[in-house]
Amino acid sequence: MSKQSVAIVTDSTADLPPQLAASRSITVVPLTLNFEGKTLLDGVDIQPDEFYRRLPSAATHPTTSQPSPGRFAQTYSALLADHEAIVSNFARLIPRAEAERVPNVITFFGNRRGMSDREAMDNCVDGLNRVKGMAEDHGVTICVELLNSKIDHKDYRGDHTAFGVDVMKAVASPRVKLLYDIYHMQIMEGDVIRTIRTNRDFIAHFHTGGVPGRHELDETQEVNWRAVCRGIAPSELLIM
């Protein structure tokens, strides 16, 4: 649910470090480099380090040209399509889930990518508000999964129950709920039984795995699974 209403696009003459561009969700359109008889895309077909290493021995000086208007147009079209992909996928899959008698569909909060908590929450709420009507009309619940960002899903935004619950409260739909993954939330915050009982109205589905290592639920794991199941049972929610 990391939909953005504004996208930043530049060309590779900006010389942005790849890590910075990725962290700020900046799309870089490569310029064209004519070098040693080949036409190359800057940062795609050849990296700066390689270019400067080969430059002293080049028989002719390289030339460059800025990205064409057509290439920019393709980039803008792709970005628009990406921003609408979440909505279009739900429009396609929710009716199918109803037809197949599948009660829930799963989605994700998305990565931070340098966004503030406020911006990330606004994006999630906006995206879910656009699709909650479909879910309500078809009787299918959208489950948004909580994951850990400490080990398995670096930069994931929905990594604490409180964030997910705040989004659920803002969306305020009986067909948009949390998928509470016990494995992930044990890693991030612990306090599993109390958290489930306190927030059970916002949870529609559970996943789990052994902690540590995501192994079988047995005596080698740190969670008392019998107690967790007893804590969940009164809420009459499905355990997977």
C-alpha atoms as a PDB file:
ATOM      1  CA  MET A   1       0.000   0.000   0.000  1.00  0.00           C
ATOM      2  CA  SER A   2       2.864   2.337  -0.718  1.00  0.00           C
ATOM      3  CA  LYS A   3       0.932   4.180  -3.411  1.00  0.00           C
ATOM      4  CA  GLN A   4       2.219   7.684  -4.018  1.00  0.00           C
ATOM      5  CA  SER A   5       0.238  10.580  -5.449  1.00  0.00           C
ATOM      6  CA  VAL A   6       3.464  12.242  -6.620  1.00  0.00           C
ATOM      7  CA  ALA A   7       6.385  10.575  -8.421  1.00  0.00           C
ATOM      8  CA  ILE A   8       9.843  12.099  -8.836  1.00  0.00           C
ATOM      9  CA  VAL A   9      11.581  11.551 -12.172  1.00  0.00           C
ATOM     10  CA  THR A  10      14.999  12.754 -13.259  1.00  0.00           C
ATOM     11  CA  ASP A  11      17.661  11.703 -15.733  1.00  0.00           C
ATOM     12  CA  SER A  12      21.033  10.190 -15.001  1.00  0.00           C
ATOM     13  CA  THR A  13      22.905  13.487 -15.420  1.00  0.00           C
ATOM     14  CA  ALA A  14      21.740  14.222 -11.876  1.00  0.00           C
ATOM     15  CA  ASP A  15      24.368  11.658 -10.745  1.00  0.00           C
ATOM     16  CA  LEU A  16      22.225  10.464  -7.855  1.00  0.00           C
ATOM     17  CA  PRO A  17      23.720   7.572  -5.891  1.00  0.00           C
ATOM     18  CA  PRO A  18      21.555   4.484  -6.562  1.00  0.00           C
ATOM     19  CA  GLN A  19      20.938   4.004  -2.842  1.00  0.00           C
ATOM     20  CA  LEU A  20      19.593   7.549  -2.504  1.00  0.00           C
ATOM     21  CA  ALA A  21      17.331   7.206  -5.544  1.00  0.00           C
ATOM     22  CA  ALA A  22      15.948   3.923  -4.221  1.00  0.00           C
ATOM     23  CA  SER A  23      15.372   5.222  -0.699  1.00  0.00           C
ATOM     24  CA  ARG A  24      13.465   8.245  -2.015  1.00  0.00           C
ATOM     25  CA  SER A  25      11.579   6.324  -4.739  1.00  0.00           C
ATOM     26  CA  ILE A  26      13.157   8.514  -7.417  1.00  0.00           C
ATOM     27  CA  THR A  27      12.950   7.143 -10.959  1.00  0.00           C
ATOM     28  CA  VAL A  28      16.097   7.791 -13.002  1.00  0.00           C
ATOM     29  CA  VAL A  29      15.816   7.823 -16.798  1.00  0.00           C
ATOM     30  CA  PRO A  30      19.223   6.976 -18.345  1.00  0.00           C
ATOM     31  CA  LEU A  31      20.904   9.178 -20.896  1.00  0.00           C
ATOM     32  CA  THR A  32      22.374   7.595 -24.035  1.00  0.00           C
ATOM     33  CA  LEU A  33      26.147   7.169 -24.262  1.00  0.00           C
ATOM     34  CA  ASN A  34      27.916   6.531 -27.570  1.00  0.00           C
ATOM     35  CA  PHE A  35      31.175   4.883 -26.591  1.00  0.00           C
ATOM     36  CA  GLU A  36      33.656   2.736 -28.522  1.00  0.00           C
ATOM     37  CA  GLY A  37      31.214   2.099 -31.342  1.00  0.00           C
ATOM     38  CA  LYS A  38      28.354   1.076 -29.063  1.00  0.00           C
ATOM     39  CA  THR A  39      25.200   2.811 -27.897  1.00  0.00           C
ATOM     40  CA  LEU A  40      24.819   2.313 -24.159  1.00  0.00           C
ATOM     41  CA  LEU A  41      22.363   3.427 -21.490  1.00  0.00           C
ATOM     42  CA  ASP A  42      24.031   5.226 -18.605  1.00  0.00           C
ATOM     43  CA  GLY A  43      23.808   3.225 -15.393  1.00  0.00           C
ATOM     44  CA  VAL A  44      22.137   0.311 -17.182  1.00  0.00           C
ATOM     45  CA  ASP A  45      24.551  -0.981 -19.820  1.00  0.00           C
ATOM     46  CA  ILE A  46      27.578   0.660 -18.275  1.00  0.00           C
ATOM     47  CA  GLN A  47      28.317   1.936 -14.783  1.00  0.00           C
ATOM     48  CA  PRO A  48      30.310   5.122 -14.004  1.00  0.00           C
ATOM     49  CA  ASP A  49      33.285   3.205 -12.571  1.00  0.00           C
ATOM     50  CA  GLU A  50      33.630   1.140 -15.730  1.00  0.00           C
ATOM     51  CA  PHE A  51      33.238   4.200 -17.943  1.00  0.00           C
ATOM     52  CA  TYR A  52      36.020   6.129 -16.229  1.00  0.00           C
ATOM     53  CA  ARG A  53      38.255   3.054 -16.180  1.00  0.00           C
ATOM     54  CA  ARG A  54      37.951   2.609 -19.948  1.00  0.00           C
ATOM     55  CA  LEU A  55      37.975   6.298 -20.886  1.00  0.00           C
ATOM     56  CA  PRO A  56      41.810   6.866 -20.973  1.00  0.00           C
ATOM     57  CA  SER A  57      42.314   4.098 -23.555  1.00  0.00           C
ATOM     58  CA  ALA A  58      39.313   4.970 -25.754  1.00  0.00           C
ATOM     59  CA  ALA A  59      40.208   5.617 -29.411  1.00  0.00           C
ATOM     60  CA  THR A  60      37.599   8.375 -29.727  1.00  0.00           C
ATOM     61  CA  HIS A  61      35.880  10.643 -27.263  1.00  0.00           C
ATOM     62  CA  PRO A  62      32.451   9.455 -26.179  1.00  0.00           C
ATOM     63  CA  THR A  63      29.344  11.491 -26.872  1.00  0.00           C
ATOM     64  CA  THR A  64      26.058  11.617 -24.984  1.00  0.00           C
ATOM     65  CA  SER A  65      22.464  12.550 -25.707  1.00  0.00           C
ATOM     66  CA  GLN A  66      19.659  13.323 -23.320  1.00  0.00           C
ATOM     67  CA  PRO A  67      16.754  10.896 -22.968  1.00  0.00           C
ATOM     68  CA  SER A  68      14.166  11.374 -25.675  1.00  0.00           C
ATOM     69  CA  PRO A  69      10.680  12.729 -24.911  1.00  0.00           C
ATOM     70  CA  GLY A  70       9.393   9.291 -25.882  1.00  0.00           C
ATOM     71  CA  ARG A  71      11.488   7.592 -23.216  1.00  0.00           C
ATOM     72  CA  PHE A  72      10.185  10.018 -20.593  1.00  0.00           C
ATOM     73  CA  ALA A  73       6.621   9.377 -21.772  1.00  0.00           C
ATOM     74  CA  GLN A  74       7.140   5.622 -21.382  1.00  0.00           C
ATOM     75  CA  THR A  75       8.460   6.184 -17.864  1.00  0.00           C
ATOM     76  CA  TYR A  76       5.487   8.325 -16.862  1.00  0.00           C
ATOM     77  CA  SER A  77       3.048   5.760 -18.274  1.00  0.00           C
ATOM     78  CA  ALA A  78       4.725   2.951 -16.337  1.00  0.00           C
ATOM     79  CA  LEU A  79       4.574   4.923 -13.090  1.00  0.00           C
ATOM     80  CA  LEU A  80       0.893   5.674 -13.545  1.00  0.00           C
ATOM     81  CA  ALA A  81       0.191   2.014 -14.246  1.00  0.00           C
ATOM     82  CA  ASP A  82       2.127   0.973 -11.140  1.00  0.00           C
ATOM     83  CA  HIS A  83       0.186   3.349  -8.905  1.00  0.00           C
ATOM     84  CA  GLU A  84      -3.101   1.913 -10.171  1.00  0.00           C
ATOM     85  CA  ALA A  85      -1.980  -1.721 -10.031  1.00  0.00           C
ATOM     86  CA  ILE A  86      -3.219  -2.324  -6.482  1.00  0.00           C
ATOM     87  CA  VAL A  87      -6.721  -1.111  -7.251  1.00  0.00           C
ATOM     88  CA  SER A  88      -6.977  -2.974 -10.550  1.00  0.00           C
ATOM     89  CA  ASN A  89      -5.736  -6.224  -8.988  1.00  0.00           C
ATOM     90  CA  PHE A  90      -8.370  -6.049  -6.262  1.00  0.00           C
ATOM     91  CA  ALA A  91     -11.062  -5.279  -8.830  1.00  0.00           C
ATOM     92  CA  ARG A  92     -10.063  -8.450 -10.662  1.00  0.00           C
ATOM     93  CA  LEU A  93      -9.438 -10.803  -7.737  1.00  0.00           C
ATOM     94  CA  ILE A  94     -12.107  -9.936  -5.162  1.00  0.00           C
ATOM     95  CA  PRO A  95     -15.032 -11.053  -7.377  1.00  0.00           C
ATOM     96  CA  ARG A  96     -13.078 -14.198  -8.187  1.00  0.00           C
ATOM     97  CA  ALA A  97     -12.522 -14.858  -4.479  1.00  0.00           C
ATOM     98  CA  GLU A  98     -16.262 -14.530  -3.873  1.00  0.00           C
ATOM     99  CA  ALA A  99     -17.040 -16.893  -6.743  1.00  0.00           C
ATOM    100  CA  GLU A 100     -14.603 -19.490  -5.373  1.00  0.00           C
ATOM    101  CA  ARG A 101     -15.904 -18.998  -1.812  1.00  0.00           C
ATOM    102  CA  VAL A 102     -12.542 -17.737  -0.602  1.00  0.00           C
ATOM    103  CA  PRO A 103     -13.285 -15.559   2.451  1.00  0.00           C
ATOM    104  CA  ASN A 104     -10.057 -13.539   2.564  1.00  0.00           C
ATOM    105  CA  VAL A 105      -7.470 -11.993   0.270  1.00  0.00           C
ATOM    106  CA  ILE A 106      -4.064 -10.855   1.488  1.00  0.00           C
ATOM    107  CA  THR A 107      -2.178  -7.651   0.792  1.00  0.00           C
ATOM    108  CA  PHE A 108       0.744  -5.749   2.323  1.00  0.00           C
ATOM    109  CA  PHE A 109       1.547  -2.315   3.701  1.00  0.00           C
ATOM    110  CA  GLY A 110       4.623  -1.837   1.511  1.00  0.00           C
ATOM    111  CA  ASN A 111       8.079  -0.462   2.300  1.00  0.00           C
ATOM    112  CA  ARG A 112       9.017   2.827   3.924  1.00  0.00           C
ATOM    113  CA  ARG A 113      11.280   4.069   1.097  1.00  0.00           C
ATOM    114  CA  GLY A 114      12.158   7.142   3.131  1.00  0.00           C
ATOM    115  CA  MET A 115       8.541   8.111   3.825  1.00  0.00           C
ATOM    116  CA  SER A 116       7.502   9.565   7.160  1.00  0.00           C
ATOM    117  CA  ASP A 117       5.064   7.596   9.316  1.00  0.00           C
ATOM    118  CA  ARG A 118       2.343  10.126   8.529  1.00  0.00           C
ATOM    119  CA  GLU A 119       2.845   9.890   4.765  1.00  0.00           C
ATOM    120  CA  ALA A 120       2.975   6.089   4.859  1.00  0.00           C
ATOM    121  CA  MET A 121      -0.227   5.911   6.878  1.00  0.00           C
ATOM    122  CA  ASP A 122      -2.018   8.380   4.606  1.00  0.00           C
ATOM    123  CA  ASN A 123      -1.007   6.321   1.554  1.00  0.00           C
ATOM    124  CA  CYS A 124      -2.221   3.081   3.146  1.00  0.00           C
ATOM    125  CA  VAL A 125      -5.538   4.589   4.209  1.00  0.00           C
ATOM    126  CA  ASP A 126      -6.070   6.175   0.801  1.00  0.00           C
ATOM    127  CA  GLY A 127      -5.361   2.913  -1.018  1.00  0.00           C
ATOM    128  CA  LEU A 128      -7.569   0.796   1.243  1.00  0.00           C
ATOM    129  CA  ASN A 129     -10.395   3.323   1.102  1.00  0.00           C
ATOM    130  CA  ARG A 130     -10.395   2.936  -2.665  1.00  0.00           C
ATOM    131  CA  VAL A 131     -10.943  -0.824  -2.489  1.00  0.00           C
ATOM    132  CA  LYS A 132     -12.938  -1.394   0.691  1.00  0.00           C
ATOM    133  CA  GLY A 133     -16.237  -0.902  -1.143  1.00  0.00           C
ATOM    134  CA  MET A 134     -15.391  -3.789  -3.469  1.00  0.00           C
ATOM    135  CA  ALA A 135     -14.673  -6.027  -0.494  1.00  0.00           C
ATOM    136  CA  GLU A 136     -17.884  -5.011   1.267  1.00  0.00           C
ATOM    137  CA  ASP A 137     -19.984  -5.554  -1.864  1.00  0.00           C
ATOM    138  CA  HIS A 138     -18.580  -9.054  -2.444  1.00  0.00           C
ATOM    139  CA  GLY A 139     -18.343 -10.197   1.175  1.00  0.00           C
ATOM    140  CA  VAL A 140     -14.581 -10.765   0.998  1.00  0.00           C
ATOM    141  CA  THR A 141     -12.192  -9.537   3.689  1.00  0.00           C
ATOM    142  CA  ILE A 142      -8.943  -7.795   2.738  1.00  0.00           C
ATOM    143  CA  CYS A 143      -6.270  -8.893   5.230  1.00  0.00           C
ATOM    144  CA  VAL A 144      -3.238  -6.615   5.476  1.00  0.00           C
ATOM    145  CA  GLU A 145      -0.262  -8.538   6.822  1.00  0.00           C
ATOM    146  CA  LEU A 146       2.052  -7.457   9.626  1.00  0.00           C
ATOM    147  CA  LEU A 147       5.682  -8.512   8.981  1.00  0.00           C
ATOM    148  CA  ASN A 148       8.989  -8.051  10.771  1.00  0.00           C
ATOM    149  CA  SER A 149      11.540  -5.597   9.376  1.00  0.00           C
ATOM    150  CA  LYS A 150      14.291  -6.804  11.705  1.00  0.00           C
ATOM    151  CA  ILE A 151      15.210 -10.062   9.959  1.00  0.00           C
ATOM    152  CA  ASP A 152      13.057 -11.039   6.989  1.00  0.00           C
ATOM    153  CA  HIS A 153      11.581  -7.906   5.397  1.00  0.00           C
ATOM    154  CA  LYS A 154      13.930  -4.959   5.681  1.00  0.00           C
ATOM    155  CA  ASP A 155      12.257  -1.541   5.376  1.00  0.00           C
ATOM    156  CA  TYR A 156       8.732  -2.977   5.636  1.00  0.00           C
ATOM    157  CA  ARG A 157       6.380  -0.376   7.053  1.00  0.00           C
ATOM    158  CA  GLY A 158       3.721  -2.522   8.701  1.00  0.00           C
ATOM    159  CA  ASP A 159       6.092  -3.962  11.272  1.00  0.00           C
ATOM    160  CA  HIS A 160       4.220  -3.075  14.486  1.00  0.00           C
ATOM    161  CA  THR A 161       0.663  -3.808  15.516  1.00  0.00           C
ATOM    162  CA  ALA A 162      -0.008  -0.205  16.551  1.00  0.00           C
ATOM    163  CA  PHE A 163       0.599   1.087  13.021  1.00  0.00           C
ATOM    164  CA  GLY A 164      -1.691  -1.535  11.529  1.00  0.00           C
ATOM    165  CA  VAL A 165      -4.444  -0.858  14.055  1.00  0.00           C
ATOM    166  CA  ASP A 166      -4.275   2.890  13.397  1.00  0.00           C
ATOM    167  CA  VAL A 167      -4.725   2.205   9.673  1.00  0.00           C
ATOM    168  CA  MET A 168      -7.659  -0.122  10.374  1.00  0.00           C
ATOM    169  CA  LYS A 169      -9.333   2.496  12.563  1.00  0.00           C
ATOM    170  CA  ALA A 170      -8.965   5.127   9.848  1.00  0.00           C
ATOM    171  CA  VAL A 171     -10.334   2.842   7.115  1.00  0.00           C
ATOM    172  CA  ALA A 172     -13.164   1.700   9.390  1.00  0.00           C
ATOM    173  CA  SER A 173     -14.481  -1.174   7.301  1.00  0.00           C
ATOM    174  CA  PRO A 174     -15.671  -4.582   8.516  1.00  0.00           C
ATOM    175  CA  ARG A 175     -14.032  -6.006   5.388  1.00  0.00           C
ATOM    176  CA  VAL A 176     -10.536  -4.567   5.915  1.00  0.00           C
ATOM    177  CA  LYS A 177      -8.651  -6.209   8.776  1.00  0.00           C
ATOM    178  CA  LEU A 178      -5.164  -7.213   9.871  1.00  0.00           C
ATOM    179  CA  LEU A 179      -3.421 -10.483   9.200  1.00  0.00           C
ATOM    180  CA  TYR A 180      -1.567 -10.901  12.490  1.00  0.00           C
ATOM    181  CA  ASP A 181       1.524 -13.045  11.890  1.00  0.00           C
ATOM    182  CA  ILE A 182       2.629 -14.323  15.289  1.00  0.00           C
ATOM    183  CA  TYR A 183       6.124 -15.229  14.071  1.00  0.00           C
ATOM    184  CA  HIS A 184       6.786 -11.714  12.795  1.00  0.00           C
ATOM    185  CA  MET A 185       5.245  -9.863  15.734  1.00  0.00           C
ATOM    186  CA  GLN A 186       7.074 -11.995  18.289  1.00  0.00           C
ATOM    187  CA  ILE A 187      10.313 -10.865  16.648  1.00  0.00           C
ATOM    188  CA  MET A 188       9.303  -7.195  16.533  1.00  0.00           C
ATOM    189  CA  GLU A 189       7.435  -6.624  19.775  1.00  0.00           C
ATOM    190  CA  GLY A 190       6.560  -9.785  21.728  1.00  0.00           C
ATOM    191  CA  ASP A 191       3.647  -9.414  24.181  1.00  0.00           C
ATOM    192  CA  VAL A 192       1.656 -11.572  21.773  1.00  0.00           C
ATOM    193  CA  ILE A 193      -1.300 -12.722  23.897  1.00  0.00           C
ATOM    194  CA  ARG A 194      -2.165  -9.313  25.341  1.00  0.00           C
ATOM    195  CA  THR A 195      -1.753  -7.653  21.929  1.00  0.00           C
ATOM    196  CA  ILE A 196      -4.111 -10.126  20.264  1.00  0.00           C
ATOM    197  CA  ARG A 197      -6.737  -9.815  22.987  1.00  0.00           C
ATOM    198  CA  THR A 198      -6.562  -6.002  22.981  1.00  0.00           C
ATOM    199  CA  ASN A 199      -6.824  -5.698  19.198  1.00  0.00           C
ATOM    200  CA  ARG A 200      -8.908  -8.724  18.251  1.00  0.00           C
ATOM    201  CA  ASP A 201     -11.603  -6.551  16.638  1.00  0.00           C
ATOM    202  CA  PHE A 202      -9.046  -5.470  14.024  1.00  0.00           C
ATOM    203  CA  ILE A 203      -7.697  -8.967  13.258  1.00  0.00           C
ATOM    204  CA  ALA A 204      -9.301 -11.343  10.762  1.00  0.00           C
ATOM    205  CA  HIS A 205      -6.630 -13.972  10.228  1.00  0.00           C
ATOM    206  CA  PHE A 206      -3.470 -15.460  11.763  1.00  0.00           C
ATOM    207  CA  HIS A 207      -0.238 -16.834  10.371  1.00  0.00           C
ATOM    208  CA  THR A 208       2.657 -18.176  12.393  1.00  0.00           C
ATOM    209  CA  GLY A 209       5.927 -20.078  12.439  1.00  0.00           C
ATOM    210  CA  GLY A 210       8.426 -21.116  15.063  1.00  0.00           C
ATOM    211  CA  VAL A 211      10.629 -18.456  16.642  1.00  0.00           C
ATOM    212  CA  PRO A 212      13.561 -18.438  16.087  1.00  0.00           C
ATOM    213  CA  GLY A 213      14.169 -19.812  12.610  1.00  0.00           C
ATOM    214  CA  ARG A 214      10.583 -20.144  11.383  1.00  0.00           C
ATOM    215  CA  HIS A 215      10.637 -23.845  12.221  1.00  0.00           C
ATOM    216  CA  GLU A 216       7.918 -26.201  13.469  1.00  0.00           C
ATOM    217  CA  LEU A 217       5.896 -25.223  16.535  1.00  0.00           C
ATOM    218  CA  ASP A 218       7.598 -27.386  19.124  1.00  0.00           C
ATOM    219  CA  GLU A 219       9.481 -27.254  22.415  1.00  0.00           C
ATOM    220  CA  THR A 220      12.610 -25.796  20.763  1.00  0.00           C
ATOM    221  CA  GLN A 221      10.843 -22.480  20.142  1.00  0.00           C
ATOM    222  CA  GLU A 222      10.606 -19.497  22.485  1.00  0.00           C
ATOM    223  CA  VAL A 223       6.822 -19.053  22.273  1.00  0.00           C
ATOM    224  CA  ASN A 224       4.387 -21.016  24.446  1.00  0.00           C
ATOM    225  CA  TRP A 225       2.058 -21.964  21.608  1.00  0.00           C
ATOM    226  CA  ARG A 226      -0.501 -23.664  23.808  1.00  0.00           C
ATOM    227  CA  ALA A 227      -0.964 -20.451  25.793  1.00  0.00           C
ATOM    228  CA  VAL A 228      -1.122 -18.359  22.610  1.00  0.00           C
ATOM    229  CA  CYS A 229      -3.832 -20.595  21.150  1.00  0.00           C
ATOM    230  CA  ARG A 230      -5.831 -20.348  24.369  1.00  0.00           C
ATOM    231  CA  GLY A 231      -5.472 -16.589  24.161  1.00  0.00           C
ATOM    232  CA  ILE A 232      -6.787 -16.545  20.607  1.00  0.00           C
ATOM    233  CA  ALA A 233      -9.617 -19.058  20.991  1.00  0.00           C
ATOM    234  CA  PRO A 234     -12.188 -16.762  22.654  1.00  0.00           C
ATOM    235  CA  SER A 235     -12.023 -14.433  19.642  1.00  0.00           C
ATOM    236  CA  GLU A 236     -13.182 -17.270  17.360  1.00  0.00           C
ATOM    237  CA  LEU A 237     -10.646 -16.313  14.718  1.00  0.00           C
ATOM    238  CA  LEU A 238      -9.024 -18.675  12.235  1.00  0.00           C
ATOM    239  CA  ILE A 239      -5.536 -19.998  12.994  1.00  0.00           C
ATOM    240  CA  MET A 240      -3.307 -21.109  10.121  1.00  0.00           C
END
